[in-house]
Amino acid sequence: LLLAQSKMASAAPTSITQLLPLELIDKCIGSRLWIVMKGDKELVGTLRGFDDYVNMVLDDVDEFEPNPGGGWRVTRLESILLNGNNICVLVPGGEGPVPTQ
């Protein structure tokens, strides 16, 4: 059984390109990102740089916080340093939360 599995693994195509997470983030420098944080906040901003811990410097940031009555309160920020430990999801090219109808 082990021999059969190793033969199958070696027969796999070798032309598959692998893209690591930090490489994808690196390709997003200078682009807009939609960032979903732990808790309720979401951010949209232009990525200027990041480190191995995914701490980020963002410019032209819109911070979205949910209003108790519905909708979002939006705060405009010129530049921020974001702690990567609080990030849940990154969406390259995202425009932020969809307004509720």
PDB file of N, CA and C in Angstrom:
ATOM      1  N   LEU A   1       0.826  -1.199   0.000  1.00  0.00           N
ATOM      2  CA  LEU A   1       0.000   0.000   0.000  1.00  0.00           C
ATOM      3  C   LEU A   1       0.862   1.251   0.000  1.00  0.00           C
ATOM      4  N   LEU A   2       1.902   1.297   0.830  1.00  0.00           N
ATOM      5  CA  LEU A   2       2.780   2.458   0.864  1.00  0.00           C
ATOM      6  C   LEU A   2       3.494   2.650  -0.460  1.00  0.00           C
ATOM      7  N   LEU A   3       3.896   1.557  -1.099  1.00  0.00           N
ATOM      8  CA  LEU A   3       4.568   1.635  -2.386  1.00  0.00           C
ATOM      9  C   LEU A   3       3.634   2.218  -3.444  1.00  0.00           C
ATOM     10  N   ALA A   4       2.369   1.788  -3.426  1.00  0.00           N
ATOM     11  CA  ALA A   4       1.395   2.301  -4.394  1.00  0.00           C
ATOM     12  C   ALA A   4       1.161   3.790  -4.185  1.00  0.00           C
ATOM     13  N   GLN A   5       1.081   4.245  -2.939  1.00  0.00           N
ATOM     14  CA  GLN A   5       0.872   5.662  -2.671  1.00  0.00           C
ATOM     15  C   GLN A   5       2.062   6.486  -3.125  1.00  0.00           C
ATOM     16  N   SER A   6       3.273   6.005  -2.894  1.00  0.00           N
ATOM     17  CA  SER A   6       4.451   6.771  -3.294  1.00  0.00           C
ATOM     18  C   SER A   6       4.561   6.859  -4.806  1.00  0.00           C
ATOM     19  N   LYS A   7       4.161   5.801  -5.527  1.00  0.00           N
ATOM     20  CA  LYS A   7       4.180   5.849  -6.992  1.00  0.00           C
ATOM     21  C   LYS A   7       3.139   6.850  -7.497  1.00  0.00           C
ATOM     22  N   MET A   8       1.971   6.891  -6.847  1.00  0.00           N
ATOM     23  CA  MET A   8       0.932   7.837  -7.252  1.00  0.00           C
ATOM     24  C   MET A   8       1.382   9.261  -6.990  1.00  0.00           C
ATOM     25  N   ALA A   9       2.045   9.486  -5.888  1.00  0.00           N
ATOM     26  CA  ALA A   9       2.507  10.836  -5.559  1.00  0.00           C
ATOM     27  C   ALA A   9       3.552  11.306  -6.550  1.00  0.00           C
ATOM     28  N   SER A  10       4.425  10.403  -6.996  1.00  0.00           N
ATOM     29  CA  SER A  10       5.469  10.802  -7.932  1.00  0.00           C
ATOM     30  C   SER A  10       4.909  11.013  -9.335  1.00  0.00           C
ATOM     31  N   ALA A  11       3.733  10.471  -9.626  1.00  0.00           N
ATOM     32  CA  ALA A  11       3.127  10.633 -10.944  1.00  0.00           C
ATOM     33  C   ALA A  11       2.340  11.940 -11.051  1.00  0.00           C
ATOM     34  N   ALA A  12       2.233  12.688  -9.968  1.00  0.00           N
ATOM     35  CA  ALA A  12       1.481  13.939  -9.983  1.00  0.00           C
ATOM     36  C   ALA A  12       2.165  14.948 -10.893  1.00  0.00           C
ATOM     37  N   PRO A  13       1.394  15.832 -11.544  1.00  0.00           N
ATOM     38  CA  PRO A  13       2.001  16.826 -12.436  1.00  0.00           C
ATOM     39  C   PRO A  13       2.939  17.755 -11.663  1.00  0.00           C
ATOM     40  N   THR A  14       4.035  18.105 -12.288  1.00  0.00           N
ATOM     41  CA  THR A  14       5.022  18.964 -11.632  1.00  0.00           C
ATOM     42  C   THR A  14       4.925  20.408 -12.095  1.00  0.00           C
ATOM     43  N   SER A  15       3.980  20.719 -12.966  1.00  0.00           N
ATOM     44  CA  SER A  15       3.871  22.082 -13.501  1.00  0.00           C
ATOM     45  C   SER A  15       2.946  22.975 -12.678  1.00  0.00           C
ATOM     46  N   ILE A  16       2.461  22.500 -11.529  1.00  0.00           N
ATOM     47  CA  ILE A  16       1.574  23.296 -10.684  1.00  0.00           C
ATOM     48  C   ILE A  16       2.395  24.386 -10.004  1.00  0.00           C
ATOM     49  N   THR A  17       1.935  25.620 -10.112  1.00  0.00           N
ATOM     50  CA  THR A  17       2.622  26.746  -9.488  1.00  0.00           C
ATOM     51  C   THR A  17       2.063  26.950  -8.091  1.00  0.00           C
ATOM     52  N   GLN A  18       2.953  27.037  -7.123  1.00  0.00           N
ATOM     53  CA  GLN A  18       2.545  27.235  -5.738  1.00  0.00           C
ATOM     54  C   GLN A  18       2.723  28.703  -5.377  1.00  0.00           C
ATOM     55  N   LEU A  19       1.709  29.293  -4.760  1.00  0.00           N
ATOM     56  CA  LEU A  19       1.770  30.670  -4.306  1.00  0.00           C
ATOM     57  C   LEU A  19       1.553  30.676  -2.799  1.00  0.00           C
ATOM     58  N   LEU A  20       2.572  31.086  -2.061  1.00  0.00           N
ATOM     59  CA  LEU A  20       2.486  31.111  -0.607  1.00  0.00           C
ATOM     60  C   LEU A  20       1.717  32.347  -0.143  1.00  0.00           C
ATOM     61  N   PRO A  21       1.104  32.294   1.050  1.00  0.00           N
ATOM     62  CA  PRO A  21       0.294  33.425   1.517  1.00  0.00           C
ATOM     63  C   PRO A  21       1.036  34.758   1.532  1.00  0.00           C
ATOM     64  N   LEU A  22       2.259  34.798   2.041  1.00  0.00           N
ATOM     65  CA  LEU A  22       2.992  36.066   2.087  1.00  0.00           C
ATOM     66  C   LEU A  22       3.336  36.567   0.687  1.00  0.00           C
ATOM     67  N   GLU A  23       3.504  35.639  -0.273  1.00  0.00           N
ATOM     68  CA  GLU A  23       3.746  36.051  -1.655  1.00  0.00           C
ATOM     69  C   GLU A  23       2.505  36.727  -2.240  1.00  0.00           C
ATOM     70  N   LEU A  24       1.332  36.199  -1.906  1.00  0.00           N
ATOM     71  CA  LEU A  24       0.087  36.810  -2.383  1.00  0.00           C
ATOM     72  C   LEU A  24      -0.071  38.208  -1.801  1.00  0.00           C
ATOM     73  N   ILE A  25       0.196  38.353  -0.502  1.00  0.00           N
ATOM     74  CA  ILE A  25       0.095  39.672   0.127  1.00  0.00           C
ATOM     75  C   ILE A  25       1.099  40.633  -0.505  1.00  0.00           C
ATOM     76  N   ASP A  26       2.307  40.152  -0.799  1.00  0.00           N
ATOM     77  CA  ASP A  26       3.326  40.984  -1.430  1.00  0.00           C
ATOM     78  C   ASP A  26       2.856  41.505  -2.785  1.00  0.00           C
ATOM     79  N   LYS A  27       2.122  40.692  -3.525  1.00  0.00           N
ATOM     80  CA  LYS A  27       1.593  41.116  -4.828  1.00  0.00           C
ATOM     81  C   LYS A  27       0.524  42.204  -4.683  1.00  0.00           C
ATOM     82  N   CYS A  28      -0.022  42.346  -3.468  1.00  0.00           N
ATOM     83  CA  CYS A  28      -1.089  43.327  -3.219  1.00  0.00           C
ATOM     84  C   CYS A  28      -0.559  44.694  -2.799  1.00  0.00           C
ATOM     85  N   ILE A  29       0.745  44.853  -2.636  1.00  0.00           N
ATOM     86  CA  ILE A  29       1.292  46.157  -2.243  1.00  0.00           C
ATOM     87  C   ILE A  29       0.925  47.187  -3.305  1.00  0.00           C
ATOM     88  N   GLY A  30       0.380  48.304  -2.854  1.00  0.00           N
ATOM     89  CA  GLY A  30      -0.083  49.354  -3.759  1.00  0.00           C
ATOM     90  C   GLY A  30      -1.527  49.192  -4.183  1.00  0.00           C
ATOM     91  N   SER A  31      -2.146  48.079  -3.804  1.00  0.00           N
ATOM     92  CA  SER A  31      -3.541  47.806  -4.174  1.00  0.00           C
ATOM     93  C   SER A  31      -4.464  47.962  -2.973  1.00  0.00           C
ATOM     94  N   ARG A  32      -5.757  48.050  -3.261  1.00  0.00           N
ATOM     95  CA  ARG A  32      -6.762  48.140  -2.205  1.00  0.00           C
ATOM     96  C   ARG A  32      -7.033  46.743  -1.646  1.00  0.00           C
ATOM     97  N   LEU A  33      -7.198  46.675  -0.325  1.00  0.00           N
ATOM     98  CA  LEU A  33      -7.525  45.434   0.381  1.00  0.00           C
ATOM     99  C   LEU A  33      -8.748  45.667   1.250  1.00  0.00           C
ATOM    100  N   TRP A  34      -9.595  44.677   1.309  1.00  0.00           N
ATOM    101  CA  TRP A  34     -10.690  44.648   2.275  1.00  0.00           C
ATOM    102  C   TRP A  34     -10.241  43.699   3.367  1.00  0.00           C
ATOM    103  N   ILE A  35     -10.233  44.157   4.615  1.00  0.00           N
ATOM    104  CA  ILE A  35      -9.731  43.383   5.741  1.00  0.00           C
ATOM    105  C   ILE A  35     -10.838  43.217   6.764  1.00  0.00           C
ATOM    106  N   VAL A  36     -11.156  41.970   7.084  1.00  0.00           N
ATOM    107  CA  VAL A  36     -12.142  41.658   8.112  1.00  0.00           C
ATOM    108  C   VAL A  36     -11.361  41.320   9.381  1.00  0.00           C
ATOM    109  N   MET A  37     -11.655  42.050  10.448  1.00  0.00           N
ATOM    110  CA  MET A  37     -10.935  41.906  11.707  1.00  0.00           C
ATOM    111  C   MET A  37     -11.699  41.013  12.679  1.00  0.00           C
ATOM    112  N   LYS A  38     -10.996  40.555  13.727  1.00  0.00           N
ATOM    113  CA  LYS A  38     -11.681  39.895  14.839  1.00  0.00           C
ATOM    114  C   LYS A  38     -12.654  40.914  15.420  1.00  0.00           C
ATOM    115  N   GLY A  39     -13.804  40.467  15.862  1.00  0.00           N
ATOM    116  CA  GLY A  39     -14.813  41.405  16.336  1.00  0.00           C
ATOM    117  C   GLY A  39     -15.662  41.857  15.165  1.00  0.00           C
ATOM    118  N   ASP A  40     -16.083  43.116  15.190  1.00  0.00           N
ATOM    119  CA  ASP A  40     -17.029  43.602  14.180  1.00  0.00           C
ATOM    120  C   ASP A  40     -16.435  44.550  13.151  1.00  0.00           C
ATOM    121  N   LYS A  41     -15.188  44.982  13.320  1.00  0.00           N
ATOM    122  CA  LYS A  41     -14.633  45.996  12.423  1.00  0.00           C
ATOM    123  C   LYS A  41     -14.164  45.396  11.108  1.00  0.00           C
ATOM    124  N   GLU A  42     -14.303  46.203  10.059  1.00  0.00           N
ATOM    125  CA  GLU A  42     -13.777  45.876   8.741  1.00  0.00           C
ATOM    126  C   GLU A  42     -13.090  47.120   8.204  1.00  0.00           C
ATOM    127  N   LEU A  43     -12.038  46.909   7.425  1.00  0.00           N
ATOM    128  CA  LEU A  43     -11.250  48.021   6.894  1.00  0.00           C
ATOM    129  C   LEU A  43     -11.064  47.846   5.393  1.00  0.00           C
ATOM    130  N   VAL A  44     -10.998  48.960   4.689  1.00  0.00           N
ATOM    131  CA  VAL A  44     -10.603  48.966   3.284  1.00  0.00           C
ATOM    132  C   VAL A  44      -9.532  50.031   3.155  1.00  0.00           C
ATOM    133  N   GLY A  45      -8.378  49.643   2.604  1.00  0.00           N
ATOM    134  CA  GLY A  45      -7.289  50.601   2.460  1.00  0.00           C
ATOM    135  C   GLY A  45      -6.266  50.130   1.451  1.00  0.00           C
ATOM    136  N   THR A  46      -5.319  51.014   1.149  1.00  0.00           N
ATOM    137  CA  THR A  46      -4.244  50.704   0.211  1.00  0.00           C
ATOM    138  C   THR A  46      -3.050  50.173   0.991  1.00  0.00           C
ATOM    139  N   LEU A  47      -2.609  48.964   0.651  1.00  0.00           N
ATOM    140  CA  LEU A  47      -1.494  48.331   1.342  1.00  0.00           C
ATOM    141  C   LEU A  47      -0.179  48.981   0.937  1.00  0.00           C
ATOM    142  N   ARG A  48       0.563  49.472   1.925  1.00  0.00           N
ATOM    143  CA  ARG A  48       1.882  50.076   1.684  1.00  0.00           C
ATOM    144  C   ARG A  48       3.020  49.140   2.050  1.00  0.00           C
ATOM    145  N   GLY A  49       2.797  48.264   3.036  1.00  0.00           N
ATOM    146  CA  GLY A  49       3.825  47.320   3.431  1.00  0.00           C
ATOM    147  C   GLY A  49       3.322  46.401   4.524  1.00  0.00           C
ATOM    148  N   PHE A  50       4.100  45.325   4.788  1.00  0.00           N
ATOM    149  CA  PHE A  50       3.747  44.358   5.817  1.00  0.00           C
ATOM    150  C   PHE A  50       5.013  43.622   6.234  1.00  0.00           C
ATOM    151  N   ASP A  51       4.917  42.889   7.355  1.00  0.00           N
ATOM    152  CA  ASP A  51       6.047  42.092   7.814  1.00  0.00           C
ATOM    153  C   ASP A  51       5.645  40.621   7.903  1.00  0.00           C
ATOM    154  N   ASP A  52       6.538  39.791   8.449  1.00  0.00           N
ATOM    155  CA  ASP A  52       6.278  38.351   8.528  1.00  0.00           C
ATOM    156  C   ASP A  52       5.115  38.003   9.447  1.00  0.00           C
ATOM    157  N   TYR A  53       4.735  38.919  10.336  1.00  0.00           N
ATOM    158  CA  TYR A  53       3.595  38.698  11.229  1.00  0.00           C
ATOM    159  C   TYR A  53       2.307  39.255  10.631  1.00  0.00           C
ATOM    160  N   VAL A  54       2.354  39.732   9.416  1.00  0.00           N
ATOM    161  CA  VAL A  54       1.255  40.339   8.677  1.00  0.00           C
ATOM    162  C   VAL A  54       0.756  41.614   9.368  1.00  0.00           C
ATOM    163  N   ASN A  55       1.631  42.273  10.151  1.00  0.00           N
ATOM    164  CA  ASN A  55       1.354  43.645  10.563  1.00  0.00           C
ATOM    165  C   ASN A  55       1.395  44.469   9.287  1.00  0.00           C
ATOM    166  N   MET A  56       0.477  45.404   9.133  1.00  0.00           N
ATOM    167  CA  MET A  56       0.355  46.126   7.865  1.00  0.00           C
ATOM    168  C   MET A  56       0.338  47.632   8.060  1.00  0.00           C
ATOM    169  N   VAL A  57       0.889  48.334   7.081  1.00  0.00           N
ATOM    170  CA  VAL A  57       0.742  49.782   6.967  1.00  0.00           C
ATOM    171  C   VAL A  57      -0.229  50.011   5.822  1.00  0.00           C
ATOM    172  N   LEU A  58      -1.320  50.728   6.124  1.00  0.00           N
ATOM    173  CA  LEU A  58      -2.357  51.019   5.134  1.00  0.00           C
ATOM    174  C   LEU A  58      -2.551  52.521   5.027  1.00  0.00           C
ATOM    175  N   ASP A  59      -2.796  52.996   3.817  1.00  0.00           N
ATOM    176  CA  ASP A  59      -3.117  54.399   3.564  1.00  0.00           C
ATOM    177  C   ASP A  59      -4.547  54.497   3.035  1.00  0.00           C
ATOM    178  N   ASP A  60      -5.121  55.701   3.153  1.00  0.00           N
ATOM    179  CA  ASP A  60      -6.470  55.985   2.635  1.00  0.00           C
ATOM    180  C   ASP A  60      -7.469  54.920   3.105  1.00  0.00           C
ATOM    181  N   VAL A  61      -7.606  54.814   4.410  1.00  0.00           N
ATOM    182  CA  VAL A  61      -8.369  53.725   5.027  1.00  0.00           C
ATOM    183  C   VAL A  61      -9.793  54.176   5.357  1.00  0.00           C
ATOM    184  N   ASP A  62     -10.751  53.311   5.070  1.00  0.00           N
ATOM    185  CA  ASP A  62     -12.129  53.454   5.547  1.00  0.00           C
ATOM    186  C   ASP A  62     -12.345  52.342   6.570  1.00  0.00           C
ATOM    187  N   GLU A  63     -12.713  52.731   7.803  1.00  0.00           N
ATOM    188  CA  GLU A  63     -12.983  51.769   8.866  1.00  0.00           C
ATOM    189  C   GLU A  63     -14.492  51.655   9.011  1.00  0.00           C
ATOM    190  N   PHE A  64     -15.004  50.440   8.911  1.00  0.00           N
ATOM    191  CA  PHE A  64     -16.439  50.183   8.995  1.00  0.00           C
ATOM    192  C   PHE A  64     -16.752  49.518  10.335  1.00  0.00           C
ATOM    193  N   GLU A  65     -17.680  50.127  11.087  1.00  0.00           N
ATOM    194  CA  GLU A  65     -18.156  49.553  12.346  1.00  0.00           C
ATOM    195  C   GLU A  65     -19.671  49.466  12.260  1.00  0.00           C
ATOM    196  N   PRO A  66     -20.252  48.337  12.656  1.00  0.00           N
ATOM    197  CA  PRO A  66     -21.712  48.209  12.558  1.00  0.00           C
ATOM    198  C   PRO A  66     -22.430  49.133  13.542  1.00  0.00           C
ATOM    199  N   ASN A  67     -23.499  49.748  13.069  1.00  0.00           N
ATOM    200  CA  ASN A  67     -24.378  50.551  13.925  1.00  0.00           C
ATOM    201  C   ASN A  67     -25.383  49.618  14.585  1.00  0.00           C
ATOM    202  N   PRO A  68     -25.766  49.879  15.840  1.00  0.00           N
ATOM    203  CA  PRO A  68     -26.762  49.030  16.504  1.00  0.00           C
ATOM    204  C   PRO A  68     -28.090  48.987  15.750  1.00  0.00           C
ATOM    205  N   GLY A  69     -28.467  50.077  15.101  1.00  0.00           N
ATOM    206  CA  GLY A  69     -29.726  50.127  14.366  1.00  0.00           C
ATOM    207  C   GLY A  69     -29.638  49.597  12.951  1.00  0.00           C
ATOM    208  N   GLY A  70     -28.480  49.134  12.543  1.00  0.00           N
ATOM    209  CA  GLY A  70     -28.276  48.637  11.180  1.00  0.00           C
ATOM    210  C   GLY A  70     -27.358  49.558  10.398  1.00  0.00           C
ATOM    211  N   GLY A  71     -26.795  49.052   9.367  1.00  0.00           N
ATOM    212  CA  GLY A  71     -25.880  49.830   8.547  1.00  0.00           C
ATOM    213  C   GLY A  71     -24.492  49.904   9.170  1.00  0.00           C
ATOM    214  N   TRP A  72     -23.681  50.812   8.649  1.00  0.00           N
ATOM    215  CA  TRP A  72     -22.287  50.928   9.071  1.00  0.00           C
ATOM    216  C   TRP A  72     -21.928  52.370   9.378  1.00  0.00           C
ATOM    217  N   ARG A  73     -21.122  52.567  10.410  1.00  0.00           N
ATOM    218  CA  ARG A  73     -20.494  53.861  10.666  1.00  0.00           C
ATOM    219  C   ARG A  73     -19.118  53.799  10.011  1.00  0.00           C
ATOM    220  N   VAL A  74     -18.827  54.757   9.147  1.00  0.00           N
ATOM    221  CA  VAL A  74     -17.564  54.758   8.408  1.00  0.00           C
ATOM    222  C   VAL A  74     -16.680  55.888   8.922  1.00  0.00           C
ATOM    223  N   THR A  75     -15.442  55.536   9.276  1.00  0.00           N
ATOM    224  CA  THR A  75     -14.446  56.512   9.724  1.00  0.00           C
ATOM    225  C   THR A  75     -13.316  56.514   8.707  1.00  0.00           C
ATOM    226  N   ARG A  76     -12.973  57.707   8.222  1.00  0.00           N
ATOM    227  CA  ARG A  76     -11.891  57.853   7.235  1.00  0.00           C
ATOM    228  C   ARG A  76     -10.583  58.120   7.972  1.00  0.00           C
ATOM    229  N   LEU A  77      -9.530  57.354   7.664  1.00  0.00           N
ATOM    230  CA  LEU A  77      -8.224  57.503   8.289  1.00  0.00           C
ATOM    231  C   LEU A  77      -7.160  57.659   7.205  1.00  0.00           C
ATOM    232  N   GLU A  78      -6.231  58.572   7.416  1.00  0.00           N
ATOM    233  CA  GLU A  78      -5.185  58.814   6.415  1.00  0.00           C
ATOM    234  C   GLU A  78      -4.209  57.646   6.320  1.00  0.00           C
ATOM    235  N   SER A  79      -3.756  57.146   7.476  1.00  0.00           N
ATOM    236  CA  SER A  79      -2.764  56.076   7.495  1.00  0.00           C
ATOM    237  C   SER A  79      -2.859  55.333   8.829  1.00  0.00           C
ATOM    238  N   ILE A  80      -2.668  54.009   8.801  1.00  0.00           N
ATOM    239  CA  ILE A  80      -2.693  53.232  10.045  1.00  0.00           C
ATOM    240  C   ILE A  80      -1.639  52.130  10.003  1.00  0.00           C
ATOM    241  N   LEU A  81      -1.248  51.681  11.205  1.00  0.00           N
ATOM    242  CA  LEU A  81      -0.442  50.478  11.388  1.00  0.00           C
ATOM    243  C   LEU A  81      -1.370  49.456  12.020  1.00  0.00           C
ATOM    244  N   LEU A  82      -1.593  48.353  11.333  1.00  0.00           N
ATOM    245  CA  LEU A  82      -2.571  47.353  11.741  1.00  0.00           C
ATOM    246  C   LEU A  82      -1.857  46.130  12.292  1.00  0.00           C
ATOM    247  N   ASN A  83      -2.256  45.684  13.493  1.00  0.00           N
ATOM    248  CA  ASN A  83      -1.679  44.487  14.095  1.00  0.00           C
ATOM    249  C   ASN A  83      -2.210  43.252  13.380  1.00  0.00           C
ATOM    250  N   GLY A  84      -1.326  42.465  12.795  1.00  0.00           N
ATOM    251  CA  GLY A  84      -1.723  41.291  12.033  1.00  0.00           C
ATOM    252  C   GLY A  84      -2.405  40.219  12.859  1.00  0.00           C
ATOM    253  N   ASN A  85      -2.201  40.239  14.180  1.00  0.00           N
ATOM    254  CA  ASN A  85      -2.802  39.244  15.050  1.00  0.00           C
ATOM    255  C   ASN A  85      -4.324  39.362  15.094  1.00  0.00           C
ATOM    256  N   ASN A  86      -4.875  40.493  14.699  1.00  0.00           N
ATOM    257  CA  ASN A  86      -6.314  40.721  14.763  1.00  0.00           C
ATOM    258  C   ASN A  86      -7.024  40.545  13.432  1.00  0.00           C
ATOM    259  N   ILE A  87      -6.296  40.121  12.404  1.00  0.00           N
ATOM    260  CA  ILE A  87      -6.870  39.965  11.065  1.00  0.00           C
ATOM    261  C   ILE A  87      -7.456  38.565  10.905  1.00  0.00           C
ATOM    262  N   CYS A  88      -8.694  38.503  10.383  1.00  0.00           N
ATOM    263  CA  CYS A  88      -9.334  37.215  10.081  1.00  0.00           C
ATOM    264  C   CYS A  88      -9.280  36.895   8.591  1.00  0.00           C
ATOM    265  N   VAL A  89      -9.612  37.879   7.737  1.00  0.00           N
ATOM    266  CA  VAL A  89      -9.704  37.639   6.298  1.00  0.00           C
ATOM    267  C   VAL A  89      -9.150  38.836   5.542  1.00  0.00           C
ATOM    268  N   LEU A  90      -8.397  38.567   4.468  1.00  0.00           N
ATOM    269  CA  LEU A  90      -7.935  39.599   3.537  1.00  0.00           C
ATOM    270  C   LEU A  90      -8.584  39.341   2.183  1.00  0.00           C
ATOM    271  N   VAL A  91      -9.153  40.385   1.585  1.00  0.00           N
ATOM    272  CA  VAL A  91      -9.787  40.251   0.272  1.00  0.00           C
ATOM    273  C   VAL A  91      -9.121  41.245  -0.668  1.00  0.00           C
ATOM    274  N   PRO A  92      -8.181  40.784  -1.497  1.00  0.00           N
ATOM    275  CA  PRO A  92      -7.547  41.703  -2.452  1.00  0.00           C
ATOM    276  C   PRO A  92      -8.587  42.306  -3.396  1.00  0.00           C
ATOM    277  N   GLY A  93      -8.529  43.617  -3.567  1.00  0.00           N
ATOM    278  CA  GLY A  93      -9.447  44.307  -4.457  1.00  0.00           C
ATOM    279  C   GLY A  93     -10.843  44.492  -3.900  1.00  0.00           C
ATOM    280  N   GLY A  94     -11.086  44.074  -2.659  1.00  0.00           N
ATOM    281  CA  GLY A  94     -12.412  44.191  -2.063  1.00  0.00           C
ATOM    282  C   GLY A  94     -12.785  45.639  -1.768  1.00  0.00           C
ATOM    283  N   GLU A  95     -14.070  45.918  -1.761  1.00  0.00           N
ATOM    284  CA  GLU A  95     -14.564  47.282  -1.534  1.00  0.00           C
ATOM    285  C   GLU A  95     -15.231  47.464  -0.179  1.00  0.00           C
ATOM    286  N   GLY A  96     -15.212  46.456   0.665  1.00  0.00           N
ATOM    287  CA  GLY A  96     -15.807  46.597   1.987  1.00  0.00           C
ATOM    288  C   GLY A  96     -17.154  45.920   2.085  1.00  0.00           C
ATOM    289  N   PRO A  97     -17.784  46.082   3.247  1.00  0.00           N
ATOM    290  CA  PRO A  97     -19.063  45.388   3.479  1.00  0.00           C
ATOM    291  C   PRO A  97     -20.156  45.893   2.541  1.00  0.00           C
ATOM    292  N   VAL A  98     -21.024  44.974   2.178  1.00  0.00           N
ATOM    293  CA  VAL A  98     -22.147  45.294   1.298  1.00  0.00           C
ATOM    294  C   VAL A  98     -23.236  45.954   2.135  1.00  0.00           C
ATOM    295  N   PRO A  99     -23.738  47.107   1.700  1.00  0.00           N
ATOM    296  CA  PRO A  99     -24.814  47.761   2.469  1.00  0.00           C
ATOM    297  C   PRO A  99     -26.047  46.867   2.552  1.00  0.00           C
ATOM    298  N   THR A 100     -26.669  46.836   3.738  1.00  0.00           N
ATOM    299  CA  THR A 100     -27.901  46.044   3.903  1.00  0.00           C
ATOM    300  C   THR A 100     -29.073  46.849   3.371  1.00  0.00           C
ATOM    301  N   GLN A 101     -30.046  46.159   2.813  1.00  0.00           N
ATOM    302  CA  GLN A 101     -31.188  46.828   2.183  1.00  0.00           C
ATOM    303  C   GLN A 101     -32.291  47.072   3.168  1.00  0.00           C
TER     304      GLN A 101
END
